[in-house]
Amino acid sequence: MLSAIHHAQAAEINIAAASNFAGPIKMIIADFERKTGHRANLTLGASGRFYAQINHGAPFQVFLSADRLKPAALEASGMGLSRFTYAIGRLALWSANDTLIQGNSKILEKGAFRKIALASPKLAPYGKAAIDVLCALGLKEILSPKFVRGENIAQTYQFVATGNADLGFVSLSQITEKGKLRAGSVWMIPQELHSPIQQDAILLKSAMNNQAAIAFMHYLKSGSARDIIRDFGYLLPTEEE
């Protein structure tokens, strides 16, 4: 049992996590450390950048990606020990303005705004999903002059929150709390408009003898962790919208 681990056995782990998962991973780590005595060091950023860093020897033991392709590629190259889907992300179009978005795509079709933020599609799966949505609506070329690109979804959120962009494609987890919108206006984007944002975690080869890393991967599948993930607006692998 996790709670049975004694402090004398405590170990340290370096976790790289996609920035869309910032809210839940901080709560998950706090609970994990409290229950196990292990210590987890967290780095947040773009999945694409983490993938490149890991391939160049970055000292991470666990990688929580915003997609499944990068962990699968690491596993295929022999750099991973095991992986699984820990969350299914939800994409939202959000504005800090309470009345700008009317719960649908009409604001995009009208184009009545200065700038729209999205994460880099090359680095961030949420950015790729945003491009999928715009292509599905036939609006990518029309709106591209208005794009403001963030390196990751955290930077994209900041562009919108600070007014540097009128609206933007963000993770639902960034703007809701226990299913309720914290501020502004939103369009909850139907998942059929973009490829699934299936987020995989991988235990990296460097963690082979790291008990904290192995324990963390077990904890991430626990009911406690899954409750936190669900509270932040993610779907879980066995759930349907």
Protein backbone atom coordinates (compact mmCIF):
# COMPACT_ATOMS: atom_id res chain seq x y z
CA MET A 1 0.00 0.00 0.00
CA LEU A 2 1.16 3.53 -0.76
CA SER A 3 0.58 4.71 2.79
CA ALA A 4 2.76 1.93 4.18
CA ILE A 5 5.96 3.27 2.62
CA HIS A 6 8.30 4.44 5.36
CA HIS A 7 10.32 7.67 5.14
CA ALA A 8 13.51 5.63 5.23
CA GLN A 9 12.49 4.23 1.85
CA ALA A 10 11.58 7.62 0.41
CA ALA A 11 12.97 8.48 -3.01
CA GLU A 12 12.86 11.41 -5.39
CA ILE A 13 11.30 11.66 -8.84
CA ASN A 14 11.47 14.22 -11.66
CA ILE A 15 8.17 14.58 -13.52
CA ALA A 16 7.68 16.37 -16.83
CA ALA A 17 4.02 17.24 -17.38
CA ALA A 18 2.14 18.97 -20.18
CA SER A 19 1.10 22.47 -19.09
CA ASN A 20 -2.61 21.79 -19.65
CA PHE A 21 -2.39 19.42 -16.67
CA ALA A 22 -0.90 21.99 -14.27
CA GLY A 23 -3.92 22.18 -11.95
CA PRO A 24 -4.50 18.49 -11.32
CA ILE A 25 -0.86 17.41 -11.29
CA LYS A 26 -0.03 19.83 -8.46
CA MET A 27 -2.84 18.40 -6.35
CA ILE A 28 -1.93 14.84 -7.30
CA ILE A 29 1.72 15.35 -6.35
CA ALA A 30 0.78 16.89 -3.00
CA ASP A 31 -1.43 13.91 -2.15
CA PHE A 32 1.16 11.43 -3.42
CA GLU A 33 3.94 12.96 -1.32
CA ARG A 34 1.73 13.06 1.77
CA LYS A 35 0.75 9.41 1.42
CA THR A 36 4.14 7.97 0.48
CA GLY A 37 6.91 10.17 1.84
CA HIS A 38 8.42 10.31 -1.64
CA ARG A 39 9.35 13.67 -3.18
CA ALA A 40 8.33 14.74 -6.69
CA ASN A 41 9.94 17.59 -8.63
CA LEU A 42 7.60 18.98 -11.29
CA THR A 43 8.45 20.71 -14.57
CA LEU A 44 5.59 22.00 -16.74
CA GLY A 45 5.81 22.80 -20.44
CA ALA A 46 5.02 21.83 -24.02
CA SER A 47 4.89 18.11 -24.77
CA GLY A 48 6.91 18.51 -27.94
CA ARG A 49 9.72 20.25 -26.11
CA PHE A 50 9.77 17.60 -23.38
CA TYR A 51 9.92 14.87 -26.02
CA ALA A 52 12.99 16.47 -27.57
CA GLN A 53 14.62 16.98 -24.16
CA ILE A 54 14.04 13.37 -23.12
CA ASN A 55 15.57 12.16 -26.38
CA HIS A 56 18.63 14.26 -25.51
CA GLY A 57 18.98 12.78 -22.02
CA ALA A 58 16.92 15.11 -19.80
CA PRO A 59 16.76 13.62 -16.27
CA PHE A 60 13.04 12.85 -16.07
CA GLN A 61 11.65 9.56 -14.78
CA VAL A 62 7.98 10.16 -15.68
CA PHE A 63 6.51 12.06 -18.63
CA LEU A 64 2.84 13.06 -18.69
CA SER A 65 2.23 14.10 -22.27
CA ALA A 66 -0.75 15.94 -23.76
CA ASP A 67 -0.96 13.24 -26.44
CA ARG A 68 -0.26 9.55 -26.89
CA LEU A 69 2.08 9.78 -29.90
CA LYS A 70 5.15 11.06 -28.07
CA PRO A 71 5.04 8.48 -25.24
CA ALA A 72 4.40 5.75 -27.85
CA ALA A 73 7.45 6.89 -29.81
CA LEU A 74 9.59 6.86 -26.65
CA GLU A 75 8.37 3.37 -25.83
CA ALA A 76 9.06 2.16 -29.38
CA SER A 77 12.62 3.50 -29.23
CA GLY A 78 13.32 1.61 -26.00
CA MET A 79 13.29 4.69 -23.76
CA GLY A 80 10.10 3.77 -21.92
CA LEU A 81 9.16 0.94 -19.58
CA SER A 82 5.37 1.25 -19.52
CA ARG A 83 2.64 3.72 -20.48
CA PHE A 84 -1.10 4.23 -20.13
CA THR A 85 -3.76 6.86 -20.80
CA TYR A 86 -4.29 8.97 -17.69
CA ALA A 87 -6.76 11.55 -19.07
CA ILE A 88 -8.71 12.59 -22.15
CA GLY A 89 -8.45 16.34 -22.65
CA ARG A 90 -11.27 18.74 -23.48
CA LEU A 91 -10.75 21.71 -25.77
CA ALA A 92 -12.66 24.96 -25.24
CA LEU A 93 -12.88 28.32 -26.98
CA TRP A 94 -12.67 30.90 -24.17
CA SER A 95 -12.74 34.66 -23.70
CA ALA A 96 -12.24 36.68 -20.54
CA ASN A 97 -15.10 38.83 -21.84
CA ASP A 98 -18.36 37.58 -20.31
CA THR A 99 -20.44 38.19 -23.46
CA LEU A 100 -18.08 37.65 -26.42
CA ILE A 101 -18.76 33.92 -26.91
CA GLN A 102 -22.37 32.74 -26.99
CA GLY A 103 -21.77 29.04 -26.36
CA ASN A 104 -21.22 28.26 -30.03
CA SER A 105 -18.90 28.91 -32.99
CA LYS A 106 -20.63 32.07 -34.28
CA ILE A 107 -17.93 34.42 -33.05
CA LEU A 108 -15.41 32.52 -35.18
CA GLU A 109 -17.64 32.69 -38.23
CA LYS A 110 -18.20 36.44 -37.78
CA GLY A 111 -14.50 37.12 -37.14
CA ALA A 112 -15.46 40.11 -34.99
CA PHE A 113 -12.30 40.16 -32.90
CA ARG A 114 -8.68 41.32 -33.18
CA LYS A 115 -6.62 38.31 -32.08
CA ILE A 116 -7.24 34.63 -31.35
CA ALA A 117 -4.74 32.59 -29.33
CA LEU A 118 -3.81 28.96 -29.86
CA ALA A 119 -0.89 26.80 -28.80
CA SER A 120 1.76 25.88 -31.34
CA PRO A 121 0.41 22.87 -33.28
CA LYS A 122 3.96 21.55 -33.68
CA LEU A 123 4.67 21.50 -29.95
CA ALA A 124 1.28 21.18 -28.24
CA PRO A 125 -1.49 18.67 -29.00
CA TYR A 126 -4.11 21.23 -27.92
CA GLY A 127 -2.78 23.50 -30.64
CA LYS A 128 -3.12 20.73 -33.21
CA ALA A 129 -6.69 20.12 -32.01
CA ALA A 130 -7.44 23.85 -32.40
CA ILE A 131 -6.28 23.71 -36.03
CA ASP A 132 -8.47 20.62 -36.54
CA VAL A 133 -11.49 22.62 -35.34
CA LEU A 134 -10.78 25.59 -37.58
CA CYS A 135 -10.28 23.28 -40.58
CA ALA A 136 -13.54 21.47 -39.81
CA LEU A 137 -15.32 24.84 -39.77
CA GLY A 138 -13.57 25.99 -42.95
CA LEU A 139 -12.08 29.00 -41.13
CA LYS A 140 -8.36 28.29 -40.83
CA GLU A 141 -7.18 30.37 -43.78
CA ILE A 142 -9.61 33.21 -43.08
CA LEU A 143 -8.60 33.55 -39.42
CA SER A 144 -4.87 32.78 -39.67
CA PRO A 145 -3.87 36.51 -39.87
CA LYS A 146 -5.43 36.92 -36.40
CA PHE A 147 -3.46 34.06 -34.78
CA VAL A 148 -1.34 34.59 -31.68
CA ARG A 149 0.62 31.41 -30.97
CA GLY A 150 1.73 30.28 -27.53
CA GLU A 151 4.47 27.74 -27.07
CA ASN A 152 2.14 25.78 -24.81
CA ILE A 153 -1.42 25.90 -23.54
CA ALA A 154 -0.41 27.81 -20.37
CA GLN A 155 1.00 30.66 -22.44
CA THR A 156 -2.09 30.55 -24.67
CA TYR A 157 -4.33 30.93 -21.62
CA GLN A 158 -2.26 33.92 -20.46
CA PHE A 159 -2.69 35.66 -23.82
CA VAL A 160 -6.45 35.50 -23.39
CA ALA A 161 -6.56 36.20 -19.64
CA THR A 162 -4.45 39.35 -20.02
CA GLY A 163 -6.35 40.67 -23.05
CA ASN A 164 -3.50 40.23 -25.52
CA ALA A 165 -5.93 38.05 -27.43
CA ASP A 166 -9.71 38.49 -27.44
CA LEU A 167 -10.32 34.76 -27.27
CA GLY A 168 -8.42 31.53 -27.62
CA PHE A 169 -8.39 27.75 -27.64
CA VAL A 170 -7.57 26.48 -24.14
CA SER A 171 -7.92 23.37 -22.05
CA LEU A 172 -11.26 23.14 -20.24
CA SER A 173 -9.31 22.37 -17.06
CA GLN A 174 -7.80 25.88 -17.11
CA ILE A 175 -11.12 27.71 -16.95
CA THR A 176 -13.44 25.53 -14.87
CA GLU A 177 -13.64 24.37 -11.29
CA LYS A 178 -15.73 21.33 -10.46
CA GLY A 179 -17.59 21.69 -13.74
CA LYS A 180 -18.34 25.43 -13.47
CA LEU A 181 -16.82 28.21 -15.58
CA ARG A 182 -14.75 30.47 -13.32
CA ALA A 183 -15.01 33.61 -15.46
CA GLY A 184 -15.62 34.85 -18.99
CA SER A 185 -17.54 33.09 -21.77
CA VAL A 186 -16.97 29.76 -23.47
CA TRP A 187 -17.84 27.37 -26.28
CA MET A 188 -17.40 23.76 -25.18
CA ILE A 189 -16.07 22.34 -28.42
CA PRO A 190 -17.64 19.05 -29.56
CA GLN A 191 -15.00 16.33 -29.58
CA GLU A 192 -15.98 15.19 -33.07
CA LEU A 193 -14.47 18.41 -34.46
CA HIS A 194 -10.92 17.40 -33.57
CA SER A 195 -8.77 14.34 -33.13
CA PRO A 196 -8.99 12.90 -29.59
CA ILE A 197 -6.72 14.51 -27.01
CA GLN A 198 -5.73 11.22 -25.44
CA GLN A 199 -3.05 11.98 -22.85
CA ASP A 200 -0.56 9.23 -22.00
CA ALA A 201 1.89 8.87 -19.14
CA ILE A 202 5.11 6.94 -19.59
CA LEU A 203 7.55 5.53 -17.06
CA LEU A 204 10.96 6.20 -18.60
CA LYS A 205 13.86 3.78 -18.67
CA SER A 206 15.82 5.96 -16.25
CA ALA A 207 13.21 5.06 -13.60
CA MET A 208 13.93 1.32 -13.68
CA ASN A 209 15.22 1.29 -10.09
CA ASN A 210 13.40 4.39 -8.82
CA GLN A 211 10.75 3.34 -6.31
CA ALA A 212 9.19 6.81 -6.23
CA ALA A 213 8.59 6.75 -9.99
CA ILE A 214 7.09 3.28 -9.90
CA ALA A 215 4.87 4.21 -6.95
CA PHE A 216 3.76 7.40 -8.70
CA MET A 217 2.61 5.52 -11.79
CA HIS A 218 0.55 3.22 -9.56
CA TYR A 219 -0.89 6.21 -7.71
CA LEU A 220 -1.86 7.93 -10.98
CA LYS A 221 -4.26 5.01 -11.60
CA SER A 222 -5.78 5.23 -8.12
CA GLY A 223 -9.27 6.39 -7.29
CA SER A 224 -7.88 9.46 -5.49
CA ALA A 225 -5.94 10.61 -8.56
CA ARG A 226 -8.80 9.85 -10.93
CA ASP A 227 -11.20 11.93 -8.80
CA ILE A 228 -8.84 14.91 -9.02
CA ILE A 229 -8.48 14.49 -12.78
CA ARG A 230 -12.25 14.31 -13.26
CA ASP A 231 -12.81 17.40 -11.08
CA PHE A 232 -10.68 19.41 -13.50
CA GLY A 233 -12.93 18.64 -16.45
CA TYR A 234 -11.06 15.75 -18.03
CA LEU A 235 -12.65 12.55 -19.15
CA LEU A 236 -11.14 9.26 -18.02
CA PRO A 237 -10.32 6.39 -20.40
CA THR A 238 -13.36 4.33 -19.38
CA GLU A 239 -15.78 7.27 -19.54
CA GLU A 240 -17.74 8.69 -22.43
CA GLU A 241 -18.94 12.24 -22.74
